Amino acid sequence: MIIIHAGMTIHPEKENVFLEEINELMKASQAEEGNVSYKLFKDTEKENTFLMVEVWKDDAAVQSHNASAHFQAFVAKAKEFLAAPLDVVAFQGQQLS
């Protein structure tokens, strides 16, 4: 399994636009073949900060997602609402019983 944490800091005045765009991305990503989980969390300690936590079956699923039209469309629009560069960290793991 591949686990990705994507931290995003959003311009305060663009939060509504961000949420609309990210919801579309989430729906399409959750429907992908290799997706296990794709969830957005809002930081309760830092203003305008969100964390996308993604879990993918394998590296091929991540590569397919990164090449998808919905992900590419989100990336192209992200400059409009991001106040800082994405902070992306990937992990390899397995589910514990």
PDB file of N, CA and C in Angstrom:
ATOM      1  N   MET A   1       0.832  -1.175   0.000  1.00  0.00           N
ATOM      2  CA  MET A   1       0.000   0.000   0.000  1.00  0.00           C
ATOM      3  C   MET A   1       0.880   1.243   0.000  1.00  0.00           C
ATOM      4  N   ILE A   2       0.423   2.261  -0.687  1.00  0.00           N
ATOM      5  CA  ILE A   2       1.087   3.561  -0.705  1.00  0.00           C
ATOM      6  C   ILE A   2       0.167   4.554   0.011  1.00  0.00           C
ATOM      7  N   ILE A   3       0.727   5.267   0.971  1.00  0.00           N
ATOM      8  CA  ILE A   3      -0.029   6.266   1.725  1.00  0.00           C
ATOM      9  C   ILE A   3       0.596   7.622   1.421  1.00  0.00           C
ATOM     10  N   ILE A   4      -0.231   8.571   1.039  1.00  0.00           N
ATOM     11  CA  ILE A   4       0.248   9.909   0.691  1.00  0.00           C
ATOM     12  C   ILE A   4      -0.444  10.936   1.576  1.00  0.00           C
ATOM     13  N   HIS A   5       0.354  11.819   2.152  1.00  0.00           N
ATOM     14  CA  HIS A   5      -0.165  12.973   2.898  1.00  0.00           C
ATOM     15  C   HIS A   5       0.171  14.207   2.072  1.00  0.00           C
ATOM     16  N   ALA A   6      -0.849  14.932   1.657  1.00  0.00           N
ATOM     17  CA  ALA A   6      -0.658  16.159   0.879  1.00  0.00           C
ATOM     18  C   ALA A   6      -1.193  17.333   1.688  1.00  0.00           C
ATOM     19  N   GLY A   7      -0.275  18.110   2.244  1.00  0.00           N
ATOM     20  CA  GLY A   7      -0.649  19.275   3.033  1.00  0.00           C
ATOM     21  C   GLY A   7      -0.849  20.481   2.139  1.00  0.00           C
ATOM     22  N   MET A   8      -1.933  21.221   2.391  1.00  0.00           N
ATOM     23  CA  MET A   8      -2.273  22.378   1.565  1.00  0.00           C
ATOM     24  C   MET A   8      -2.642  23.562   2.444  1.00  0.00           C
ATOM     25  N   THR A   9      -2.025  24.704   2.178  1.00  0.00           N
ATOM     26  CA  THR A   9      -2.391  25.963   2.825  1.00  0.00           C
ATOM     27  C   THR A   9      -3.100  26.803   1.772  1.00  0.00           C
ATOM     28  N   ILE A  10      -4.293  27.249   2.116  1.00  0.00           N
ATOM     29  CA  ILE A  10      -5.183  27.901   1.161  1.00  0.00           C
ATOM     30  C   ILE A  10      -5.324  29.393   1.476  1.00  0.00           C
ATOM     31  N   HIS A  11      -5.387  30.221   0.440  1.00  0.00           N
ATOM     32  CA  HIS A  11      -5.709  31.633   0.650  1.00  0.00           C
ATOM     33  C   HIS A  11      -7.101  31.691   1.290  1.00  0.00           C
ATOM     34  N   PRO A  12      -7.265  32.409   2.387  1.00  0.00           N
ATOM     35  CA  PRO A  12      -8.559  32.436   3.094  1.00  0.00           C
ATOM     36  C   PRO A  12      -9.738  32.805   2.200  1.00  0.00           C
ATOM     37  N   GLU A  13      -9.543  33.751   1.318  1.00  0.00           N
ATOM     38  CA  GLU A  13     -10.646  34.197   0.458  1.00  0.00           C
ATOM     39  C   GLU A  13     -10.969  33.207  -0.654  1.00  0.00           C
ATOM     40  N   LYS A  14     -10.158  32.170  -0.814  1.00  0.00           N
ATOM     41  CA  LYS A  14     -10.357  31.171  -1.873  1.00  0.00           C
ATOM     42  C   LYS A  14     -10.827  29.821  -1.332  1.00  0.00           C
ATOM     43  N   GLU A  15     -11.130  29.755  -0.045  1.00  0.00           N
ATOM     44  CA  GLU A  15     -11.477  28.463   0.558  1.00  0.00           C
ATOM     45  C   GLU A  15     -12.706  27.829  -0.100  1.00  0.00           C
ATOM     46  N   ASN A  16     -13.724  28.603  -0.400  1.00  0.00           N
ATOM     47  CA  ASN A  16     -14.925  28.033  -1.022  1.00  0.00           C
ATOM     48  C   ASN A  16     -14.627  27.436  -2.391  1.00  0.00           C
ATOM     49  N   VAL A  17     -13.829  28.130  -3.183  1.00  0.00           N
ATOM     50  CA  VAL A  17     -13.436  27.622  -4.500  1.00  0.00           C
ATOM     51  C   VAL A  17     -12.617  26.347  -4.332  1.00  0.00           C
ATOM     52  N   PHE A  18     -11.681  26.372  -3.395  1.00  0.00           N
ATOM     53  CA  PHE A  18     -10.869  25.193  -3.113  1.00  0.00           C
ATOM     54  C   PHE A  18     -11.745  23.997  -2.754  1.00  0.00           C
ATOM     55  N   LEU A  19     -12.705  24.192  -1.855  1.00  0.00           N
ATOM     56  CA  LEU A  19     -13.559  23.081  -1.416  1.00  0.00           C
ATOM     57  C   LEU A  19     -14.393  22.527  -2.568  1.00  0.00           C
ATOM     58  N   GLU A  20     -14.870  23.389  -3.446  1.00  0.00           N
ATOM     59  CA  GLU A  20     -15.613  22.911  -4.619  1.00  0.00           C
ATOM     60  C   GLU A  20     -14.720  22.056  -5.509  1.00  0.00           C
ATOM     61  N   GLU A  21     -13.532  22.551  -5.800  1.00  0.00           N
ATOM     62  CA  GLU A  21     -12.600  21.831  -6.673  1.00  0.00           C
ATOM     63  C   GLU A  21     -12.124  20.524  -6.043  1.00  0.00           C
ATOM     64  N   ILE A  22     -11.810  20.557  -4.762  1.00  0.00           N
ATOM     65  CA  ILE A  22     -11.276  19.358  -4.103  1.00  0.00           C
ATOM     66  C   ILE A  22     -12.361  18.294  -3.959  1.00  0.00           C
ATOM     67  N   ASN A  23     -13.612  18.711  -3.795  1.00  0.00           N
ATOM     68  CA  ASN A  23     -14.698  17.726  -3.714  1.00  0.00           C
ATOM     69  C   ASN A  23     -14.854  16.971  -5.024  1.00  0.00           C
ATOM     70  N   GLU A  24     -14.720  17.661  -6.141  1.00  0.00           N
ATOM     71  CA  GLU A  24     -14.767  16.994  -7.443  1.00  0.00           C
ATOM     72  C   GLU A  24     -13.610  16.016  -7.578  1.00  0.00           C
ATOM     73  N   LEU A  25     -12.417  16.448  -7.179  1.00  0.00           N
ATOM     74  CA  LEU A  25     -11.243  15.583  -7.231  1.00  0.00           C
ATOM     75  C   LEU A  25     -11.442  14.353  -6.351  1.00  0.00           C
ATOM     76  N   MET A  26     -11.967  14.542  -5.161  1.00  0.00           N
ATOM     77  CA  MET A  26     -12.166  13.426  -4.237  1.00  0.00           C
ATOM     78  C   MET A  26     -13.131  12.392  -4.803  1.00  0.00           C
ATOM     79  N   LYS A  27     -14.253  12.831  -5.333  1.00  0.00           N
ATOM     80  CA  LYS A  27     -15.237  11.888  -5.889  1.00  0.00           C
ATOM     81  C   LYS A  27     -14.642  11.062  -7.014  1.00  0.00           C
ATOM     82  N   ALA A  28     -13.943  11.720  -7.922  1.00  0.00           N
ATOM     83  CA  ALA A  28     -13.345  11.007  -9.052  1.00  0.00           C
ATOM     84  C   ALA A  28     -12.223  10.080  -8.585  1.00  0.00           C
ATOM     85  N   SER A  29     -11.423  10.527  -7.625  1.00  0.00           N
ATOM     86  CA  SER A  29     -10.302   9.724  -7.135  1.00  0.00           C
ATOM     87  C   SER A  29     -10.780   8.508  -6.355  1.00  0.00           C
ATOM     88  N   GLN A  30     -11.822   8.678  -5.561  1.00  0.00           N
ATOM     89  CA  GLN A  30     -12.364   7.560  -4.789  1.00  0.00           C
ATOM     90  C   GLN A  30     -12.932   6.466  -5.694  1.00  0.00           C
ATOM     91  N   ALA A  31     -13.320   6.834  -6.910  1.00  0.00           N
ATOM     92  CA  ALA A  31     -13.874   5.868  -7.859  1.00  0.00           C
ATOM     93  C   ALA A  31     -12.789   5.127  -8.649  1.00  0.00           C
ATOM     94  N   GLU A  32     -11.541   5.535  -8.498  1.00  0.00           N
ATOM     95  CA  GLU A  32     -10.458   4.886  -9.243  1.00  0.00           C
ATOM     96  C   GLU A  32     -10.239   3.458  -8.759  1.00  0.00           C
ATOM     97  N   GLU A  33      -9.831   2.611  -9.680  1.00  0.00           N
ATOM     98  CA  GLU A  33      -9.628   1.183  -9.422  1.00  0.00           C
ATOM     99  C   GLU A  33      -8.714   0.902  -8.231  1.00  0.00           C
ATOM    100  N   GLY A  34      -7.578   1.549  -8.151  1.00  0.00           N
ATOM    101  CA  GLY A  34      -6.599   1.237  -7.114  1.00  0.00           C
ATOM    102  C   GLY A  34      -6.715   2.047  -5.841  1.00  0.00           C
ATOM    103  N   ASN A  35      -7.794   2.839  -5.701  1.00  0.00           N
ATOM    104  CA  ASN A  35      -7.933   3.677  -4.508  1.00  0.00           C
ATOM    105  C   ASN A  35      -8.514   2.882  -3.352  1.00  0.00           C
ATOM    106  N   VAL A  36      -7.874   2.999  -2.191  1.00  0.00           N
ATOM    107  CA  VAL A  36      -8.371   2.384  -0.967  1.00  0.00           C
ATOM    108  C   VAL A  36      -9.108   3.438  -0.140  1.00  0.00           C
ATOM    109  N   SER A  37      -8.551   4.656  -0.075  1.00  0.00           N
ATOM    110  CA  SER A  37      -9.149   5.749   0.683  1.00  0.00           C
ATOM    111  C   SER A  37      -8.596   7.079   0.181  1.00  0.00           C
ATOM    112  N   TYR A  38      -9.435   8.105   0.206  1.00  0.00           N
ATOM    113  CA  TYR A  38      -9.039   9.435  -0.262  1.00  0.00           C
ATOM    114  C   TYR A  38      -9.859  10.437   0.535  1.00  0.00           C
ATOM    115  N   LYS A  39      -9.278  11.004   1.595  1.00  0.00           N
ATOM    116  CA  LYS A  39     -10.040  11.852   2.511  1.00  0.00           C
ATOM    117  C   LYS A  39      -9.317  13.157   2.797  1.00  0.00           C
ATOM    118  N   LEU A  40     -10.116  14.209   2.971  1.00  0.00           N
ATOM    119  CA  LEU A  40      -9.608  15.536   3.278  1.00  0.00           C
ATOM    120  C   LEU A  40      -9.916  15.883   4.732  1.00  0.00           C
ATOM    121  N   PHE A  41      -8.909  16.436   5.420  1.00  0.00           N
ATOM    122  CA  PHE A  41      -9.063  16.851   6.810  1.00  0.00           C
ATOM    123  C   PHE A  41      -8.655  18.313   6.947  1.00  0.00           C
ATOM    124  N   LYS A  42      -9.404  19.046   7.759  1.00  0.00           N
ATOM    125  CA  LYS A  42      -9.073  20.450   8.021  1.00  0.00           C
ATOM    126  C   LYS A  42      -8.319  20.522   9.344  1.00  0.00           C
ATOM    127  N   ASP A  43      -7.186  21.205   9.339  1.00  0.00           N
ATOM    128  CA  ASP A  43      -6.369  21.360  10.539  1.00  0.00           C
ATOM    129  C   ASP A  43      -7.108  22.249  11.533  1.00  0.00           C
ATOM    130  N   THR A  44      -7.202  21.814  12.773  1.00  0.00           N
ATOM    131  CA  THR A  44      -7.899  22.596  13.796  1.00  0.00           C
ATOM    132  C   THR A  44      -6.973  23.561  14.525  1.00  0.00           C
ATOM    133  N   GLU A  45      -5.666  23.461  14.245  1.00  0.00           N
ATOM    134  CA  GLU A  45      -4.701  24.333  14.915  1.00  0.00           C
ATOM    135  C   GLU A  45      -4.121  25.397  13.994  1.00  0.00           C
ATOM    136  N   LYS A  46      -4.124  25.144  12.690  1.00  0.00           N
ATOM    137  CA  LYS A  46      -3.566  26.095  11.727  1.00  0.00           C
ATOM    138  C   LYS A  46      -4.670  26.558  10.783  1.00  0.00           C
ATOM    139  N   GLU A  47      -4.848  27.858  10.711  1.00  0.00           N
ATOM    140  CA  GLU A  47      -5.863  28.432   9.835  1.00  0.00           C
ATOM    141  C   GLU A  47      -5.589  28.090   8.369  1.00  0.00           C
ATOM    142  N   ASN A  48      -6.652  27.833   7.628  1.00  0.00           N
ATOM    143  CA  ASN A  48      -6.583  27.645   6.173  1.00  0.00           C
ATOM    144  C   ASN A  48      -5.658  26.502   5.759  1.00  0.00           C
ATOM    145  N   THR A  49      -5.531  25.492   6.604  1.00  0.00           N
ATOM    146  CA  THR A  49      -4.637  24.376   6.324  1.00  0.00           C
ATOM    147  C   THR A  49      -5.430  23.073   6.279  1.00  0.00           C
ATOM    148  N   PHE A  50      -5.168  22.297   5.240  1.00  0.00           N
ATOM    149  CA  PHE A  50      -5.867  21.036   5.012  1.00  0.00           C
ATOM    150  C   PHE A  50      -4.843  19.931   4.768  1.00  0.00           C
ATOM    151  N   LEU A  51      -5.274  18.690   5.015  1.00  0.00           N
ATOM    152  CA  LEU A  51      -4.437  17.536   4.737  1.00  0.00           C
ATOM    153  C   LEU A  51      -5.253  16.502   3.983  1.00  0.00           C
ATOM    154  N   MET A  52      -4.790  16.145   2.791  1.00  0.00           N
ATOM    155  CA  MET A  52      -5.395  15.060   2.037  1.00  0.00           C
ATOM    156  C   MET A  52      -4.623  13.798   2.398  1.00  0.00           C
ATOM    157  N   VAL A  53      -5.343  12.784   2.854  1.00  0.00           N
ATOM    158  CA  VAL A  53      -4.724  11.504   3.178  1.00  0.00           C
ATOM    159  C   VAL A  53      -5.241  10.495   2.158  1.00  0.00           C
ATOM    160  N   GLU A  54      -4.306   9.996   1.354  1.00  0.00           N
ATOM    161  CA  GLU A  54      -4.640   9.065   0.272  1.00  0.00           C
ATOM    162  C   GLU A  54      -4.033   7.705   0.578  1.00  0.00           C
ATOM    163  N   VAL A  55      -4.770   6.652   0.289  1.00  0.00           N
ATOM    164  CA  VAL A  55      -4.244   5.294   0.402  1.00  0.00           C
ATOM    165  C   VAL A  55      -4.523   4.605  -0.930  1.00  0.00           C
ATOM    166  N   TRP A  56      -3.457   4.067  -1.514  1.00  0.00           N
ATOM    167  CA  TRP A  56      -3.521   3.428  -2.827  1.00  0.00           C
ATOM    168  C   TRP A  56      -3.045   1.990  -2.731  1.00  0.00           C
ATOM    169  N   LYS A  57      -3.604   1.152  -3.573  1.00  0.00           N
ATOM    170  CA  LYS A  57      -3.274  -0.277  -3.595  1.00  0.00           C
ATOM    171  C   LYS A  57      -1.784  -0.504  -3.856  1.00  0.00           C
ATOM    172  N   ASP A  58      -1.222   0.228  -4.812  1.00  0.00           N
ATOM    173  CA  ASP A  58       0.187   0.046  -5.173  1.00  0.00           C
ATOM    174  C   ASP A  58       0.674   1.256  -5.966  1.00  0.00           C
ATOM    175  N   ASP A  59       1.948   1.224  -6.342  1.00  0.00           N
ATOM    176  CA  ASP A  59       2.548   2.336  -7.075  1.00  0.00           C
ATOM    177  C   ASP A  59       1.887   2.550  -8.432  1.00  0.00           C
ATOM    178  N   ALA A  60       1.465   1.476  -9.075  1.00  0.00           N
ATOM    179  CA  ALA A  60       0.789   1.610 -10.370  1.00  0.00           C
ATOM    180  C   ALA A  60      -0.503   2.419 -10.230  1.00  0.00           C
ATOM    181  N   ALA A  61      -1.210   2.235  -9.127  1.00  0.00           N
ATOM    182  CA  ALA A  61      -2.445   2.991  -8.882  1.00  0.00           C
ATOM    183  C   ALA A  61      -2.137   4.474  -8.686  1.00  0.00           C
ATOM    184  N   VAL A  62      -1.042   4.768  -7.992  1.00  0.00           N
ATOM    185  CA  VAL A  62      -0.633   6.164  -7.787  1.00  0.00           C
ATOM    186  C   VAL A  62      -0.272   6.806  -9.122  1.00  0.00           C
ATOM    187  N   GLN A  63       0.483   6.094  -9.934  1.00  0.00           N
ATOM    188  CA  GLN A  63       0.885   6.619 -11.240  1.00  0.00           C
ATOM    189  C   GLN A  63      -0.335   6.872 -12.126  1.00  0.00           C
ATOM    190  N   SER A  64      -1.280   5.941 -12.101  1.00  0.00           N
ATOM    191  CA  SER A  64      -2.513   6.106 -12.882  1.00  0.00           C
ATOM    192  C   SER A  64      -3.291   7.328 -12.400  1.00  0.00           C
ATOM    193  N   HIS A  65      -3.384   7.491 -11.087  1.00  0.00           N
ATOM    194  CA  HIS A  65      -4.073   8.650 -10.503  1.00  0.00           C
ATOM    195  C   HIS A  65      -3.397   9.951 -10.921  1.00  0.00           C
ATOM    196  N   ASN A  66      -2.070   9.997 -10.809  1.00  0.00           N
ATOM    197  CA  ASN A  66      -1.336  11.218 -11.151  1.00  0.00           C
ATOM    198  C   ASN A  66      -1.501  11.602 -12.618  1.00  0.00           C
ATOM    199  N   ALA A  67      -1.750  10.629 -13.476  1.00  0.00           N
ATOM    200  CA  ALA A  67      -1.934  10.882 -14.910  1.00  0.00           C
ATOM    201  C   ALA A  67      -3.390  11.137 -15.280  1.00  0.00           C
ATOM    202  N   SER A  68      -4.310  10.940 -14.340  1.00  0.00           N
ATOM    203  CA  SER A  68      -5.745  11.063 -14.643  1.00  0.00           C
ATOM    204  C   SER A  68      -6.137  12.497 -14.994  1.00  0.00           C
ATOM    205  N   ALA A  69      -7.168  12.620 -15.794  1.00  0.00           N
ATOM    206  CA  ALA A  69      -7.655  13.934 -16.214  1.00  0.00           C
ATOM    207  C   ALA A  69      -8.127  14.758 -15.015  1.00  0.00           C
ATOM    208  N   HIS A  70      -8.820  14.139 -14.061  1.00  0.00           N
ATOM    209  CA  HIS A  70      -9.337  14.897 -12.917  1.00  0.00           C
ATOM    210  C   HIS A  70      -8.206  15.405 -12.020  1.00  0.00           C
ATOM    211  N   PHE A  71      -7.138  14.615 -11.849  1.00  0.00           N
ATOM    212  CA  PHE A  71      -6.013  15.078 -11.041  1.00  0.00           C
ATOM    213  C   PHE A  71      -5.259  16.192 -11.758  1.00  0.00           C
ATOM    214  N   GLN A  72      -5.024  16.030 -13.039  1.00  0.00           N
ATOM    215  CA  GLN A  72      -4.321  17.051 -13.821  1.00  0.00           C
ATOM    216  C   GLN A  72      -5.113  18.360 -13.846  1.00  0.00           C
ATOM    217  N   ALA A  73      -6.433  18.264 -13.935  1.00  0.00           N
ATOM    218  CA  ALA A  73      -7.277  19.467 -13.926  1.00  0.00           C
ATOM    219  C   ALA A  73      -7.176  20.180 -12.574  1.00  0.00           C
ATOM    220  N   PHE A  74      -7.162  19.411 -11.483  1.00  0.00           N
ATOM    221  CA  PHE A  74      -7.030  20.016 -10.160  1.00  0.00           C
ATOM    222  C   PHE A  74      -5.685  20.713 -10.015  1.00  0.00           C
ATOM    223  N   VAL A  75      -4.619  20.050 -10.421  1.00  0.00           N
ATOM    224  CA  VAL A  75      -3.275  20.626 -10.324  1.00  0.00           C
ATOM    225  C   VAL A  75      -3.197  21.937 -11.104  1.00  0.00           C
ATOM    226  N   ALA A  76      -3.807  21.983 -12.276  1.00  0.00           N
ATOM    227  CA  ALA A  76      -3.781  23.199 -13.094  1.00  0.00           C
ATOM    228  C   ALA A  76      -4.496  24.363 -12.407  1.00  0.00           C
ATOM    229  N   LYS A  77      -5.546  24.064 -11.641  1.00  0.00           N
ATOM    230  CA  LYS A  77      -6.315  25.113 -10.964  1.00  0.00           C
ATOM    231  C   LYS A  77      -5.750  25.453  -9.588  1.00  0.00           C
ATOM    232  N   ALA A  78      -4.924  24.580  -9.029  1.00  0.00           N
ATOM    233  CA  ALA A  78      -4.459  24.723  -7.641  1.00  0.00           C
ATOM    234  C   ALA A  78      -3.733  26.034  -7.382  1.00  0.00           C
ATOM    235  N   LYS A  79      -3.055  26.571  -8.378  1.00  0.00           N
ATOM    236  CA  LYS A  79      -2.311  27.819  -8.194  1.00  0.00           C
ATOM    237  C   LYS A  79      -3.226  28.968  -7.787  1.00  0.00           C
ATOM    238  N   GLU A  80      -4.497  28.867  -8.150  1.00  0.00           N
ATOM    239  CA  GLU A  80      -5.464  29.918  -7.823  1.00  0.00           C
ATOM    240  C   GLU A  80      -5.717  30.029  -6.321  1.00  0.00           C
ATOM    241  N   PHE A  81      -5.684  28.907  -5.603  1.00  0.00           N
ATOM    242  CA  PHE A  81      -6.066  28.951  -4.197  1.00  0.00           C
ATOM    243  C   PHE A  81      -4.978  28.538  -3.208  1.00  0.00           C
ATOM    244  N   LEU A  82      -3.868  27.984  -3.670  1.00  0.00           N
ATOM    245  CA  LEU A  82      -2.793  27.608  -2.753  1.00  0.00           C
ATOM    246  C   LEU A  82      -1.972  28.827  -2.333  1.00  0.00           C
ATOM    247  N   ALA A  83      -1.771  28.989  -1.034  1.00  0.00           N
ATOM    248  CA  ALA A  83      -0.978  30.095  -0.505  1.00  0.00           C
ATOM    249  C   ALA A  83       0.477  29.682  -0.321  1.00  0.00           C
ATOM    250  N   ALA A  84       0.764  28.390  -0.434  1.00  0.00           N
ATOM    251  CA  ALA A  84       2.122  27.854  -0.286  1.00  0.00           C
ATOM    252  C   ALA A  84       2.213  26.600  -1.139  1.00  0.00           C
ATOM    253  N   PRO A  85       3.414  26.178  -1.468  1.00  0.00           N
ATOM    254  CA  PRO A  85       3.551  24.942  -2.252  1.00  0.00           C
ATOM    255  C   PRO A  85       2.971  23.741  -1.508  1.00  0.00           C
ATOM    256  N   LEU A  86       2.493  22.768  -2.260  1.00  0.00           N
ATOM    257  CA  LEU A  86       2.015  21.522  -1.657  1.00  0.00           C
ATOM    258  C   LEU A  86       3.135  20.897  -0.835  1.00  0.00           C
ATOM    259  N   ASP A  87       2.768  20.287   0.257  1.00  0.00           N
ATOM    260  CA  ASP A  87       3.723  19.562   1.103  1.00  0.00           C
ATOM    261  C   ASP A  87       3.325  18.090   1.031  1.00  0.00           C
ATOM    262  N   VAL A  88       3.968  17.342   0.142  1.00  0.00           N
ATOM    263  CA  VAL A  88       3.586  15.955  -0.123  1.00  0.00           C
ATOM    264  C   VAL A  88       4.630  15.004   0.425  1.00  0.00           C
ATOM    265  N   VAL A  89       4.147  14.026   1.201  1.00  0.00           N
ATOM    266  CA  VAL A  89       5.005  12.983   1.747  1.00  0.00           C
ATOM    267  C   VAL A  89       4.331  11.647   1.465  1.00  0.00           C
ATOM    268  N   ALA A  90       5.108  10.678   0.942  1.00  0.00           N
ATOM    269  CA  ALA A  90       4.572   9.357   0.635  1.00  0.00           C
ATOM    270  C   ALA A  90       5.201   8.301   1.541  1.00  0.00           C
ATOM    271  N   PHE A  91       4.412   7.300   1.887  1.00  0.00           N
ATOM    272  CA  PHE A  91       4.853   6.210   2.737  1.00  0.00           C
ATOM    273  C   PHE A  91       4.455   4.887   2.094  1.00  0.00           C
ATOM    274  N   GLN A  92       5.212   3.860   2.372  1.00  0.00           N
ATOM    275  CA  GLN A  92       4.825   2.526   1.960  1.00  0.00           C
ATOM    276  C   GLN A  92       4.452   1.781   3.221  1.00  0.00           C
ATOM    277  N   GLY A  93       3.329   1.082   3.208  1.00  0.00           N
ATOM    278  CA  GLY A  93       2.891   0.414   4.431  1.00  0.00           C
ATOM    279  C   GLY A  93       1.984  -0.750   4.140  1.00  0.00           C
ATOM    280  N   GLN A  94       1.526  -1.341   5.217  1.00  0.00           N
ATOM    281  CA  GLN A  94       0.574  -2.431   5.110  1.00  0.00           C
ATOM    282  C   GLN A  94      -0.406  -2.317   6.261  1.00  0.00           C
ATOM    283  N   GLN A  95      -1.593  -2.823   6.036  1.00  0.00           N
ATOM    284  CA  GLN A  95      -2.617  -2.763   7.071  1.00  0.00           C
ATOM    285  C   GLN A  95      -2.300  -3.776   8.153  1.00  0.00           C
ATOM    286  N   LEU A  96      -2.422  -3.354   9.398  1.00  0.00           N
ATOM    287  CA  LEU A  96      -2.218  -4.248  10.536  1.00  0.00           C
ATOM    288  C   LEU A  96      -3.551  -4.842  10.945  1.00  0.00           C
ATOM    289  N   SER A  97      -3.537  -6.076  11.351  1.00  0.00           N
ATOM    290  CA  SER A  97      -4.790  -6.755  11.752  1.00  0.00           C
ATOM    291  C   SER A  97      -5.283  -6.251  13.072  1.00  0.00           C
TER     292      SER A  97
END
